[in-house]
Amino acid sequence: MALERIARTARNGFRRSSTGASTRTTEKDMLCERASTRNYCSVPSLESETRSNSLSYLSSISKVNHNRFLSRGISITPNYQFPFAERIVEESDSECNEPKYPGLEATRPGEKPRVVVLGTGWAACRFLKGLDTKVYDVVCISPRNHMVFTPLLASTCVGTLEFRSVAEPVSHIQSAMATSPNSYFYLASCVGLDTGKHEVYCETVSDGGLSHEPYRFKVAYDKLVIAAGAEPLTFGIKGVKEHAFFLRDVNHAQEIRKKLLLNLMLSEHPGISEEERKRILHCVVIGGGPTGVEFSGELSDFIMKDVQERYTHVKDYIKVTLIEANEILSSFDVGLRQYATNHLTKAGVRLMRGVVKEVHPKKIVLNDGTDVPYGLLVWSTGVGPSEFVKKLNLPKSPGGRIGVDGWMRVPSVEDVFALGDCAGFLEQTGRPVLPALAQVAEREGKFLVELFNRIGKQDAGKAFSARDIPLGEQFVYKHLGSMATVGGYKALVDLRQSKDAKGISLAGFLSWFIWRSAYLTRVVSWRNRFYVAVNWATTLVFGRDNSRIG
């Protein structure tokens, strides 16, 4: 309505144009005053008009685009065209309005509700796999297009398994994103969300492939599932992010493998001092949890079987050191911890107790002042909230994760749920924050997708439509036990439901067989199960592949 008044005032000014330039100047001032109250940013000059009483200068101005006005809901009469008013409208759109992102708008009546999933980890992919796409359209947004089978990731660092054996494309997990016209996968990172508008804002991962970068877009949702995972904990220690390798993703394993093989080959060059050779062949692992212990076991196997045969000139120099502040595998049974300690020590892994103070390019410094030189440093001290999660204006659980209730809902906002390593029970629920384990995330994804399928069949999948729908029983987690391999065809199996409970604990070759069998059946697809089995057989017969590619 304000724009119509501006246009009407402008037309009246032209009708009175015969009264002289002074009148037109008054009209200009009035338009400037009205435009300023609407945050219009600039007004074109009328100096050329004031030079004479004629309107010949209008011929140099492009013809008014009536369709542009009609598309904005503004109707004008062609006989009373006034370009000055149109230019004010255009400039206000381009300079004063907030930027409008392209993307998927809110679903309309009659369309399937849209579920947006952030992430492709264990929780997200278990949710995607079970979602009923006859009821929902699904959009998955993540900077990677695959799920990583993390229990076997350490094996890829030394060539026991190929990288593709532990990566499952999300389009195989939920085929609707490749075949359904309204379901998509977007290779992007979520940079913000507006829970009031039910929109998420994303930035593409293009690596320079687009003409406009960074390219941002928005996606409207009816239901939002945040399963964005976590980031490695560095405790703010100087130099960790710059010099250490993490082991959370396939690209991490690739970098570790390239660095390990590079150091082996460099150490054989002539002129390398003995001290330098010892340094570059010293592999240091920080953190004595399952990931750190399994990587140390795989590394010791690689040294004892493959390095001894293929790098005979330097086989006596390569060493592995595992540094832990307390005890390794602290969540396991005491007897199993002692077994792991004895086995790793026998396999040549040096166990140290200490806390890292700072990390330098060629050495780490412990709190007691001890210097530990290294050629390869792998950091595995647990995970914590990502920067994305920290910046979200959502309730937080103890530890900084997104706070959820017993149905994995985020309180105080509608239609937002959180799963996996990025989510934790709020303190007022009286429940402990669950550990960042694959089995926890998978069970949460299974629980939530069953809840979504149930409410979707009750026509409660749309935004704001599930307020009065009974959600059923809350999520209950029961620990199924823990397993870890320590190398040398040995593993640990702890079937206790909690740290203080009683249960079955096994160690040795039988545990290793159980470990391999269990994880082979848990691999997502039959294709990857075949890859894993073939890789294991190939390694057993021919040894590990030591090709350095890339």
Protein backbone atom coordinates (compact mmCIF):
# COMPACT_ATOMS: atom_id res chain seq x y z
CA MET A 1 0.00 0.00 0.00
CA ALA A 2 2.86 2.41 0.78
CA LEU A 3 4.34 1.74 -2.67
CA GLU A 4 0.97 2.47 -4.32
CA ARG A 5 0.82 5.82 -2.51
CA ILE A 6 4.33 6.65 -3.76
CA ALA A 7 3.37 5.78 -7.34
CA ARG A 8 0.10 7.76 -7.08
CA THR A 9 1.95 10.80 -5.71
CA ALA A 10 4.43 10.57 -8.56
CA ARG A 11 1.66 10.48 -11.18
CA ASN A 12 0.00 13.52 -9.63
CA GLY A 13 3.33 15.33 -9.85
CA PHE A 14 3.43 14.74 -13.61
CA ARG A 15 -0.09 16.04 -14.03
CA ARG A 16 1.00 19.26 -12.36
CA SER A 17 4.25 19.46 -14.30
CA SER A 18 3.13 22.67 -16.18
CA THR A 19 3.34 24.68 -12.95
CA GLY A 20 7.13 24.74 -13.21
CA ALA A 21 10.26 23.15 -11.95
CA SER A 22 9.84 24.49 -8.45
CA THR A 23 6.68 22.46 -8.00
CA ARG A 24 8.40 19.35 -9.30
CA THR A 25 11.24 19.92 -6.90
CA THR A 26 8.74 20.04 -4.08
CA GLU A 27 7.33 16.74 -5.26
CA LYS A 28 10.85 15.29 -5.26
CA ASP A 29 11.41 16.41 -1.68
CA MET A 30 8.12 14.85 -0.63
CA LEU A 31 9.04 11.56 -2.30
CA CYS A 32 12.43 11.60 -0.59
CA GLU A 33 10.79 12.09 2.78
CA ARG A 34 8.30 9.26 2.21
CA ALA A 35 10.97 6.98 0.84
CA SER A 36 13.16 7.55 3.88
CA THR A 37 10.38 6.36 6.18
CA ARG A 38 10.32 3.07 4.24
CA ASN A 39 14.12 2.62 4.24
CA TYR A 40 14.48 3.32 0.57
CA CYS A 41 18.16 3.91 0.10
CA SER A 42 18.54 6.46 -2.67
CA VAL A 43 16.61 8.81 -4.92
CA PRO A 44 17.65 9.65 -8.50
CA SER A 45 18.40 13.24 -9.39
CA LEU A 46 15.95 15.43 -11.29
CA GLU A 47 18.48 18.07 -12.29
CA SER A 48 18.04 17.32 -16.00
CA GLU A 49 14.33 17.93 -15.68
CA THR A 50 14.69 21.31 -13.99
CA ARG A 51 16.65 22.75 -16.89
CA SER A 52 13.39 23.27 -18.87
CA ASN A 53 9.68 22.82 -18.59
CA SER A 54 9.69 20.13 -21.24
CA LEU A 55 9.62 16.37 -20.46
CA SER A 56 11.91 15.39 -23.30
CA TYR A 57 14.45 13.83 -20.85
CA LEU A 58 12.01 10.98 -20.24
CA SER A 59 12.84 9.50 -23.64
CA SER A 60 16.25 8.49 -22.34
CA ILE A 61 14.72 6.36 -19.56
CA SER A 62 13.91 2.76 -20.33
CA LYS A 63 10.31 1.73 -20.67
CA VAL A 64 8.55 0.72 -17.45
CA ASN A 65 8.26 -3.00 -16.90
CA HIS A 66 4.61 -3.43 -15.90
CA ASN A 67 5.05 -7.15 -15.33
CA ARG A 68 7.63 -6.36 -12.66
CA PHE A 69 5.08 -4.27 -10.79
CA LEU A 70 2.29 -6.79 -11.19
CA SER A 71 4.53 -9.57 -9.89
CA ARG A 72 5.05 -7.53 -6.72
CA GLY A 73 1.33 -7.05 -6.23
CA ILE A 74 1.38 -3.41 -7.44
CA SER A 75 -1.08 -2.39 -10.17
CA ILE A 76 -0.56 0.77 -12.25
CA THR A 77 -2.30 2.38 -15.23
CA PRO A 78 -0.05 2.44 -18.30
CA ASN A 79 -1.28 5.96 -19.26
CA TYR A 80 0.28 7.31 -16.05
CA GLN A 81 3.75 5.85 -16.16
CA PHE A 82 6.24 7.39 -13.77
CA PRO A 83 9.70 5.82 -13.99
CA PHE A 84 10.90 7.72 -10.93
CA ALA A 85 8.60 5.71 -8.65
CA GLU A 86 9.66 2.44 -10.28
CA ARG A 87 13.34 3.19 -9.72
CA ILE A 88 12.70 3.77 -6.01
CA VAL A 89 10.99 0.37 -5.77
CA GLU A 90 13.84 -1.41 -7.58
CA GLU A 91 16.54 0.18 -5.50
CA SER A 92 14.75 -0.66 -2.29
CA ASP A 93 14.63 -4.31 -3.33
CA SER A 94 18.28 -4.54 -4.32
CA GLU A 95 19.88 -2.46 -1.58
CA CYS A 96 17.67 -2.49 1.48
CA ASN A 97 15.97 -5.85 1.67
CA GLU A 98 17.59 -8.89 3.25
CA PRO A 99 19.21 -11.30 0.77
CA LYS A 100 16.87 -13.99 -0.49
CA TYR A 101 18.36 -17.46 -0.74
CA PRO A 102 17.30 -19.96 -3.39
CA GLY A 103 16.13 -23.32 -2.18
CA LEU A 104 13.15 -25.46 -1.26
CA GLU A 105 10.14 -23.55 -0.01
CA ALA A 106 7.67 -24.84 2.57
CA THR A 107 5.52 -27.79 1.50
CA ARG A 108 2.00 -27.03 0.31
CA PRO A 109 -1.29 -28.67 1.30
CA GLY A 110 -1.57 -32.04 -0.44
CA GLU A 111 2.22 -32.54 -0.63
CA LYS A 112 4.06 -35.03 1.52
CA PRO A 113 5.70 -33.57 4.65
CA ARG A 114 9.42 -32.92 4.28
CA VAL A 115 11.95 -34.30 6.75
CA VAL A 116 15.37 -32.61 6.69
CA VAL A 117 18.28 -34.62 8.13
CA LEU A 118 21.61 -32.96 8.95
CA GLY A 119 24.47 -35.46 8.86
CA THR A 120 25.42 -38.89 7.50
CA GLY A 121 26.73 -40.62 10.61
CA TRP A 122 25.42 -43.68 12.40
CA ALA A 123 22.30 -42.01 13.81
CA ALA A 124 21.39 -40.16 10.62
CA CYS A 125 21.86 -43.16 8.32
CA ARG A 126 19.92 -45.53 10.58
CA PHE A 127 17.10 -42.97 10.54
CA LEU A 128 17.30 -42.55 6.76
CA LYS A 129 17.32 -46.29 6.16
CA GLY A 130 14.06 -46.86 8.03
CA LEU A 131 12.11 -43.76 6.99
CA ASP A 132 8.83 -44.48 5.17
CA THR A 133 9.19 -42.49 1.95
CA LYS A 134 5.59 -43.24 1.01
CA VAL A 135 4.68 -40.88 3.84
CA TYR A 136 7.60 -38.41 3.79
CA ASP A 137 9.89 -36.64 1.38
CA VAL A 138 13.42 -36.57 2.75
CA VAL A 139 16.31 -34.15 2.27
CA CYS A 140 19.73 -35.02 3.66
CA ILE A 141 22.38 -32.30 4.02
CA SER A 142 25.97 -33.21 4.82
CA PRO A 143 29.53 -32.31 3.73
CA ARG A 144 30.11 -35.99 2.89
CA ASN A 145 27.91 -38.27 0.77
CA HIS A 146 28.63 -41.51 2.63
CA MET A 147 28.49 -43.18 6.00
CA VAL A 148 31.75 -44.41 7.55
CA PHE A 149 31.81 -47.78 9.32
CA THR A 150 34.09 -46.45 12.07
CA PRO A 151 34.85 -49.74 13.93
CA LEU A 152 36.92 -50.87 10.93
CA LEU A 153 38.44 -47.50 10.06
CA ALA A 154 41.77 -48.20 11.80
CA SER A 155 42.29 -51.22 9.53
CA THR A 156 42.32 -48.98 6.45
CA CYS A 157 45.27 -46.94 7.74
CA VAL A 158 47.70 -49.84 7.26
CA GLY A 159 46.13 -51.49 4.20
CA THR A 160 44.27 -54.34 5.92
CA LEU A 161 41.09 -53.00 4.30
CA GLU A 162 40.50 -50.74 1.33
CA PHE A 163 38.89 -47.38 1.99
CA ARG A 164 35.76 -48.13 -0.05
CA SER A 165 35.08 -51.14 2.18
CA VAL A 166 34.16 -48.87 5.10
CA ALA A 167 32.27 -46.18 3.13
CA GLU A 168 28.59 -46.64 2.25
CA PRO A 169 26.98 -44.05 -0.10
CA VAL A 170 23.83 -42.52 1.40
CA SER A 171 21.99 -43.07 -1.89
CA HIS A 172 22.39 -46.80 -1.26
CA ILE A 173 21.09 -46.43 2.28
CA GLN A 174 18.01 -44.44 1.23
CA SER A 175 17.36 -44.80 -2.49
CA ALA A 176 14.53 -42.24 -2.48
CA MET A 177 17.11 -39.45 -2.48
CA ALA A 178 18.27 -40.67 -5.89
CA THR A 179 14.90 -41.62 -7.38
CA SER A 180 12.09 -39.63 -5.77
CA PRO A 181 11.33 -36.24 -7.44
CA ASN A 182 11.04 -34.36 -4.12
CA SER A 183 13.77 -36.07 -2.10
CA TYR A 184 17.38 -34.93 -2.34
CA PHE A 185 20.89 -35.19 -1.00
CA TYR A 186 22.80 -31.90 -0.82
CA LEU A 187 26.57 -31.85 -0.43
CA ALA A 188 26.68 -28.88 1.91
CA SER A 189 27.22 -27.75 5.47
CA CYS A 190 24.44 -26.30 7.55
CA VAL A 191 25.49 -22.84 8.77
CA GLY A 192 22.34 -21.81 10.59
CA LEU A 193 18.67 -22.47 11.20
CA ASP A 194 15.53 -20.47 11.88
CA THR A 195 13.18 -22.54 14.02
CA GLY A 196 10.45 -19.91 13.73
CA LYS A 197 10.38 -20.05 9.93
CA HIS A 198 11.21 -23.79 9.86
CA GLU A 199 14.21 -23.20 7.61
CA VAL A 200 17.84 -24.31 7.55
CA TYR A 201 20.55 -22.30 5.79
CA CYS A 202 23.38 -24.11 4.04
CA GLU A 203 26.66 -23.49 2.25
CA THR A 204 27.75 -25.84 -0.50
CA VAL A 205 30.95 -27.87 -0.51
CA SER A 206 32.12 -27.19 -4.07
CA ASP A 207 35.91 -26.69 -3.92
CA GLY A 208 35.80 -23.91 -6.50
CA GLY A 209 33.43 -25.67 -8.87
CA LEU A 210 30.75 -22.96 -8.87
CA SER A 211 30.91 -19.50 -10.41
CA HIS A 212 29.50 -17.88 -7.25
CA GLU A 213 31.14 -18.89 -4.00
CA PRO A 214 30.36 -19.37 -1.25
CA TYR A 215 27.03 -20.57 -2.64
CA ARG A 216 24.26 -20.51 -0.03
CA PHE A 217 20.73 -21.79 -0.08
CA LYS A 218 17.86 -22.59 2.26
CA VAL A 219 15.63 -25.60 2.80
CA ALA A 220 12.26 -25.40 4.54
CA TYR A 221 11.30 -28.34 6.71
CA ASP A 222 8.29 -29.85 8.40
CA LYS A 223 10.47 -31.93 10.70
CA LEU A 224 14.18 -31.39 11.33
CA VAL A 225 16.57 -34.10 12.57
CA ILE A 226 19.98 -32.80 13.67
CA ALA A 227 22.54 -35.62 13.62
CA ALA A 228 25.62 -33.58 12.80
CA GLY A 229 28.03 -35.63 14.92
CA ALA A 230 30.89 -34.30 17.02
CA GLU A 231 34.48 -33.14 16.67
CA PRO A 232 37.70 -34.51 18.20
CA LEU A 233 38.50 -33.08 21.63
CA THR A 234 41.78 -31.18 21.72
CA PHE A 235 41.31 -29.60 25.18
CA GLY A 236 42.66 -26.36 23.75
CA ILE A 237 46.19 -27.78 23.62
CA LYS A 238 48.44 -25.69 21.42
CA GLY A 239 49.51 -27.31 18.14
CA VAL A 240 47.14 -30.28 18.09
CA LYS A 241 45.01 -29.16 15.14
CA GLU A 242 48.06 -28.08 13.18
CA HIS A 243 50.28 -31.14 13.61
CA ALA A 244 48.23 -34.17 14.70
CA PHE A 245 46.10 -36.54 12.65
CA PHE A 246 42.61 -37.49 13.81
CA LEU A 247 40.87 -40.77 13.02
CA ARG A 248 37.20 -40.00 12.49
CA ASP A 249 36.73 -40.14 8.73
CA VAL A 250 38.02 -41.85 5.59
CA ASN A 251 40.08 -38.83 4.57
CA HIS A 252 41.78 -38.95 7.98
CA ALA A 253 42.73 -42.59 7.41
CA GLN A 254 44.01 -41.74 3.93
CA GLU A 255 46.26 -39.00 5.28
CA ILE A 256 47.60 -41.25 8.04
CA ARG A 257 48.41 -43.99 5.55
CA LYS A 258 50.18 -41.61 3.17
CA LYS A 259 52.23 -40.11 6.01
CA LEU A 260 53.18 -43.53 7.39
CA LEU A 261 54.35 -44.86 4.03
CA LEU A 262 56.13 -41.60 3.20
CA ASN A 263 58.12 -41.77 6.43
CA LEU A 264 59.08 -45.37 5.75
CA MET A 265 60.40 -44.49 2.31
CA LEU A 266 62.16 -41.29 3.41
CA SER A 267 63.94 -43.14 6.19
CA GLU A 268 65.78 -45.27 3.62
CA HIS A 269 67.33 -42.27 1.83
CA PRO A 270 71.13 -41.96 2.06
CA GLY A 271 72.52 -39.33 4.40
CA ILE A 272 69.66 -39.51 6.94
CA SER A 273 71.14 -39.45 10.44
CA GLU A 274 70.28 -42.22 12.86
CA GLU A 275 68.58 -39.76 15.21
CA GLU A 276 66.44 -38.37 12.41
CA ARG A 277 65.60 -41.86 11.19
CA LYS A 278 64.40 -42.84 14.66
CA ARG A 279 62.27 -39.71 14.86
CA ILE A 280 60.45 -40.03 11.55
CA LEU A 281 59.78 -43.72 12.23
CA HIS A 282 58.35 -43.05 15.69
CA CYS A 283 54.54 -43.34 15.64
CA VAL A 284 52.85 -41.76 18.67
CA VAL A 285 49.20 -42.36 19.56
CA ILE A 286 47.52 -40.07 22.10
CA GLY A 287 44.54 -41.61 23.89
CA GLY A 288 44.03 -45.10 25.25
CA GLY A 289 40.39 -45.60 24.31
CA PRO A 290 39.15 -48.25 21.86
CA THR A 291 40.19 -46.22 18.79
CA GLY A 292 43.72 -45.57 20.07
CA VAL A 293 44.23 -49.16 21.19
CA GLU A 294 42.88 -50.66 17.96
CA PHE A 295 45.04 -48.36 15.83
CA SER A 296 48.10 -49.26 17.91
CA GLY A 297 47.30 -52.98 17.47
CA GLU A 298 46.89 -52.62 13.69
CA LEU A 299 50.12 -50.65 13.51
CA SER A 300 52.05 -53.28 15.47
CA ASP A 301 50.70 -56.01 13.16
CA PHE A 302 51.79 -53.98 10.12
CA ILE A 303 55.29 -53.55 11.56
CA MET A 304 55.75 -57.18 12.59
CA LYS A 305 54.46 -58.71 9.36
CA ASP A 306 54.92 -56.25 6.50
CA VAL A 307 57.62 -53.79 7.50
CA GLN A 308 59.90 -56.66 8.54
CA GLU A 309 59.65 -58.11 5.02
CA ARG A 310 59.48 -55.01 2.79
CA TYR A 311 61.52 -52.39 4.67
CA THR A 312 64.34 -54.52 6.01
CA HIS A 313 66.83 -51.62 6.06
CA VAL A 314 64.84 -49.70 8.69
CA LYS A 315 62.78 -52.42 10.38
CA ASP A 316 64.62 -52.02 13.67
CA TYR A 317 63.96 -48.28 13.89
CA ILE A 318 60.16 -48.11 13.65
CA LYS A 319 58.44 -47.87 17.04
CA VAL A 320 54.92 -47.25 18.40
CA THR A 321 54.16 -45.34 21.63
CA LEU A 322 50.70 -45.10 23.19
CA ILE A 323 50.27 -42.22 25.68
CA GLU A 324 47.31 -42.20 28.08
CA ALA A 325 46.67 -40.00 31.11
CA ASN A 326 45.11 -42.83 33.14
CA GLU A 327 44.48 -46.47 32.19
CA ILE A 328 43.87 -47.75 28.69
CA LEU A 329 40.35 -49.01 27.90
CA SER A 330 38.99 -47.60 31.16
CA SER A 331 35.41 -48.70 30.38
CA PHE A 332 36.43 -52.38 30.06
CA ASP A 333 36.72 -55.03 32.76
CA VAL A 334 39.90 -54.84 34.86
CA GLY A 335 41.05 -58.27 33.68
CA LEU A 336 40.59 -57.26 30.04
CA ARG A 337 42.54 -54.05 30.57
CA GLN A 338 45.44 -56.01 32.00
CA TYR A 339 45.30 -58.48 29.10
CA ALA A 340 45.43 -55.62 26.59
CA THR A 341 48.35 -54.01 28.40
CA ASN A 342 50.36 -57.23 28.41
CA HIS A 343 49.58 -58.06 24.79
CA LEU A 344 50.44 -54.60 23.43
CA THR A 345 53.68 -54.53 25.38
CA LYS A 346 54.64 -57.95 24.01
CA ALA A 347 53.79 -56.71 20.48
CA GLY A 348 56.29 -53.87 20.84
CA VAL A 349 53.94 -51.01 21.74
CA ARG A 350 55.41 -48.77 24.41
CA LEU A 351 52.78 -47.61 26.94
CA MET A 352 53.32 -44.25 28.66
CA ARG A 353 51.31 -42.34 31.23
CA GLY A 354 51.27 -38.61 30.74
CA VAL A 355 49.34 -35.50 29.78
CA VAL A 356 50.27 -33.56 26.65
CA LYS A 357 51.11 -29.91 27.32
CA GLU A 358 51.78 -28.76 23.77
CA VAL A 359 52.49 -30.13 20.32
CA HIS A 360 55.34 -28.98 18.07
CA PRO A 361 56.00 -29.96 14.43
CA LYS A 362 58.53 -32.65 15.41
CA LYS A 363 57.90 -33.33 19.09
CA ILE A 364 55.30 -33.23 21.83
CA VAL A 365 55.92 -31.88 25.32
CA LEU A 366 54.30 -33.56 28.34
CA ASN A 367 53.27 -31.84 31.56
CA ASP A 368 56.31 -33.20 33.37
CA GLY A 369 58.60 -31.59 30.78
CA THR A 370 59.37 -34.79 28.85
CA ASP A 371 59.97 -34.32 25.11
CA VAL A 372 58.67 -37.07 22.83
CA PRO A 373 59.89 -36.75 19.20
CA TYR A 374 57.61 -38.18 16.54
CA GLY A 375 57.21 -38.66 12.82
CA LEU A 376 53.51 -39.55 12.92
CA LEU A 377 51.12 -38.29 15.61
CA VAL A 378 47.57 -39.66 15.86
CA TRP A 379 45.20 -37.93 18.29
CA SER A 380 42.36 -40.02 19.72
CA THR A 381 41.13 -38.54 23.00
CA GLY A 382 37.37 -38.62 22.51
CA VAL A 383 34.91 -36.20 20.96
CA GLY A 384 33.01 -33.08 21.94
CA PRO A 385 30.45 -30.64 20.51
CA SER A 386 31.23 -29.17 17.09
CA GLU A 387 31.40 -25.43 16.43
CA PHE A 388 28.08 -25.68 14.60
CA VAL A 389 26.38 -27.19 17.66
CA LYS A 390 27.98 -24.64 20.00
CA LYS A 391 26.58 -21.74 17.95
CA LEU A 392 23.01 -23.04 17.83
CA ASN A 393 20.61 -21.13 20.04
CA LEU A 394 19.10 -24.32 21.44
CA PRO A 395 18.97 -25.84 24.95
CA LYS A 396 22.18 -27.62 25.88
CA SER A 397 22.77 -30.76 27.94
CA PRO A 398 25.70 -31.17 30.34
CA GLY A 399 28.83 -31.20 28.20
CA GLY A 400 27.46 -28.79 25.60
CA ARG A 401 25.47 -31.14 23.38
CA ILE A 402 22.01 -30.26 22.08
CA GLY A 403 19.57 -30.98 24.90
CA VAL A 404 16.75 -33.44 24.20
CA ASP A 405 13.93 -35.11 26.12
CA GLY A 406 13.00 -38.79 26.22
CA TRP A 407 11.59 -38.68 22.66
CA MET A 408 14.74 -37.03 21.25
CA ARG A 409 12.85 -33.75 20.86
CA VAL A 410 14.51 -30.39 21.45
CA PRO A 411 12.32 -28.57 23.99
CA SER A 412 11.11 -25.00 23.44
CA VAL A 413 11.13 -25.36 19.63
CA GLU A 414 8.64 -27.12 17.39
CA ASP A 415 9.49 -30.06 15.13
CA VAL A 416 13.23 -30.21 15.91
CA PHE A 417 14.91 -33.46 17.01
CA ALA A 418 18.55 -34.32 17.72
CA LEU A 419 20.41 -37.65 17.64
CA GLY A 420 23.80 -39.24 18.08
CA ASP A 421 27.01 -37.62 19.29
CA CYS A 422 25.60 -34.09 19.01
CA ALA A 423 22.66 -34.77 21.38
CA GLY A 424 22.34 -35.48 25.09
CA PHE A 425 19.55 -35.71 27.62
CA LEU A 426 18.74 -32.48 29.43
CA GLU A 427 19.57 -32.36 33.11
CA GLN A 428 15.91 -32.01 34.10
CA THR A 429 15.10 -35.38 32.51
CA GLY A 430 17.13 -37.10 35.23
CA ARG A 431 18.96 -39.21 32.65
CA PRO A 432 22.72 -39.37 32.14
CA VAL A 433 24.29 -38.16 28.92
CA LEU A 434 24.99 -41.30 26.89
CA PRO A 435 28.50 -42.06 25.61
CA ALA A 436 29.48 -41.16 22.06
CA LEU A 437 29.30 -44.72 20.71
CA ALA A 438 28.12 -46.09 17.39
CA GLN A 439 25.61 -48.40 19.05
CA VAL A 440 24.05 -45.50 20.98
CA ALA A 441 23.63 -43.44 17.82
CA GLU A 442 22.25 -46.37 15.86
CA ARG A 443 19.69 -47.22 18.53
CA GLU A 444 18.58 -43.59 18.77
CA GLY A 445 18.12 -43.46 14.98
CA LYS A 446 16.06 -46.65 15.07
CA PHE A 447 13.86 -45.31 17.87
CA LEU A 448 13.21 -41.96 16.17
CA VAL A 449 12.42 -43.36 12.73
CA GLU A 450 9.83 -45.69 14.24
CA LEU A 451 8.31 -42.67 15.99
CA PHE A 452 8.26 -40.66 12.73
CA ASN A 453 6.65 -43.50 10.77
CA ARG A 454 4.02 -43.87 13.45
CA ILE A 455 3.02 -40.21 13.63
CA GLY A 456 3.26 -39.87 9.84
CA LYS A 457 0.54 -42.48 9.41
CA GLN A 458 -1.61 -40.36 11.75
CA ASP A 459 -1.24 -37.33 9.45
CA ALA A 460 1.00 -35.59 11.96
CA GLY A 461 4.05 -35.25 9.73
CA LYS A 462 3.43 -31.62 8.77
CA ALA A 463 4.86 -28.72 10.73
CA PHE A 464 3.07 -27.97 14.03
CA SER A 465 0.76 -30.97 13.55
CA ALA A 466 2.12 -33.38 16.19
CA ARG A 467 1.33 -31.35 19.31
CA ASP A 468 -1.60 -33.49 20.45
CA ILE A 469 -0.35 -36.83 19.11
CA PRO A 470 0.65 -39.41 21.75
CA LEU A 471 4.29 -40.34 21.14
CA GLY A 472 4.36 -43.60 23.07
CA GLU A 473 7.22 -44.90 25.21
CA GLN A 474 10.37 -42.85 25.68
CA PHE A 475 13.79 -43.97 24.47
CA VAL A 476 15.57 -46.45 26.74
CA TYR A 477 19.17 -47.43 26.07
CA LYS A 478 20.56 -50.81 27.10
CA HIS A 479 24.25 -51.34 26.58
CA LEU A 480 25.01 -54.47 24.57
CA GLY A 481 28.69 -54.64 25.48
CA SER A 482 32.02 -53.47 24.07
CA MET A 483 34.62 -55.02 21.79
CA ALA A 484 38.13 -54.03 20.74
CA THR A 485 40.91 -55.72 18.81
CA VAL A 486 44.48 -55.47 20.07
CA GLY A 487 46.26 -57.03 17.07
CA GLY A 488 47.85 -60.41 16.59
CA TYR A 489 44.47 -62.14 16.05
CA LYS A 490 43.50 -61.19 19.61
CA ALA A 491 40.56 -59.12 20.82
CA LEU A 492 38.52 -58.23 23.89
CA VAL A 493 34.78 -58.82 24.34
CA ASP A 494 33.08 -57.25 27.36
CA LEU A 495 29.36 -58.10 27.55
CA ARG A 496 28.59 -56.29 30.79
CA GLN A 497 25.71 -53.78 30.58
CA SER A 498 27.61 -51.22 32.64
CA LYS A 499 31.05 -50.64 34.07
CA ASP A 500 30.09 -51.88 37.54
CA ALA A 501 27.80 -54.72 36.47
CA LYS A 502 28.69 -58.39 36.21
CA GLY A 503 28.80 -60.20 32.91
CA ILE A 504 30.78 -62.25 30.44
CA SER A 505 34.29 -61.05 29.56
CA LEU A 506 36.45 -62.79 26.97
CA ALA A 507 39.92 -62.23 25.56
CA GLY A 508 42.05 -63.99 22.99
CA PHE A 509 41.56 -65.65 19.61
CA LEU A 510 37.92 -66.60 20.25
CA SER A 511 37.15 -62.96 21.08
CA TRP A 512 38.89 -61.89 17.87
CA PHE A 513 36.68 -64.30 15.89
CA ILE A 514 33.56 -62.92 17.61
CA TRP A 515 34.76 -59.36 16.94
CA ARG A 516 35.23 -59.97 13.22
CA SER A 517 31.98 -61.92 12.85
CA ALA A 518 29.93 -59.29 14.68
CA TYR A 519 31.25 -56.37 12.68
CA LEU A 520 30.99 -58.23 9.38
CA THR A 521 27.26 -58.67 10.01
CA ARG A 522 26.90 -55.01 11.05
CA VAL A 523 28.37 -53.62 7.83
CA VAL A 524 25.48 -51.80 6.15
CA SER A 525 25.25 -53.46 2.72
CA TRP A 526 25.95 -56.87 1.25
CA ARG A 527 28.27 -55.19 -1.23
CA ASN A 528 30.53 -53.85 1.54
CA ARG A 529 30.34 -57.12 3.47
CA PHE A 530 31.73 -58.81 0.37
CA TYR A 531 34.47 -56.16 0.08
CA VAL A 532 35.48 -56.60 3.73
CA ALA A 533 35.58 -60.39 3.53
CA VAL A 534 37.64 -60.33 0.34
CA ASN A 535 40.04 -57.73 1.79
CA TRP A 536 40.60 -59.83 4.90
CA ALA A 537 41.28 -62.92 2.80
CA THR A 538 43.63 -61.03 0.45
CA THR A 539 45.60 -59.58 3.36
CA LEU A 540 45.90 -63.01 4.97
CA VAL A 541 47.29 -64.58 1.78
CA PHE A 542 49.27 -61.75 0.14
CA GLY A 543 49.92 -59.28 2.94
CA ARG A 544 48.94 -55.63 3.16
CA ASP A 545 49.12 -53.26 0.24
CA ASN A 546 51.88 -50.68 0.78
CA SER A 547 51.28 -48.55 -2.32
CA ARG A 548 51.35 -44.82 -1.60
CA ILE A 549 48.79 -43.17 -3.87
CA GLY A 550 48.20 -39.43 -3.90
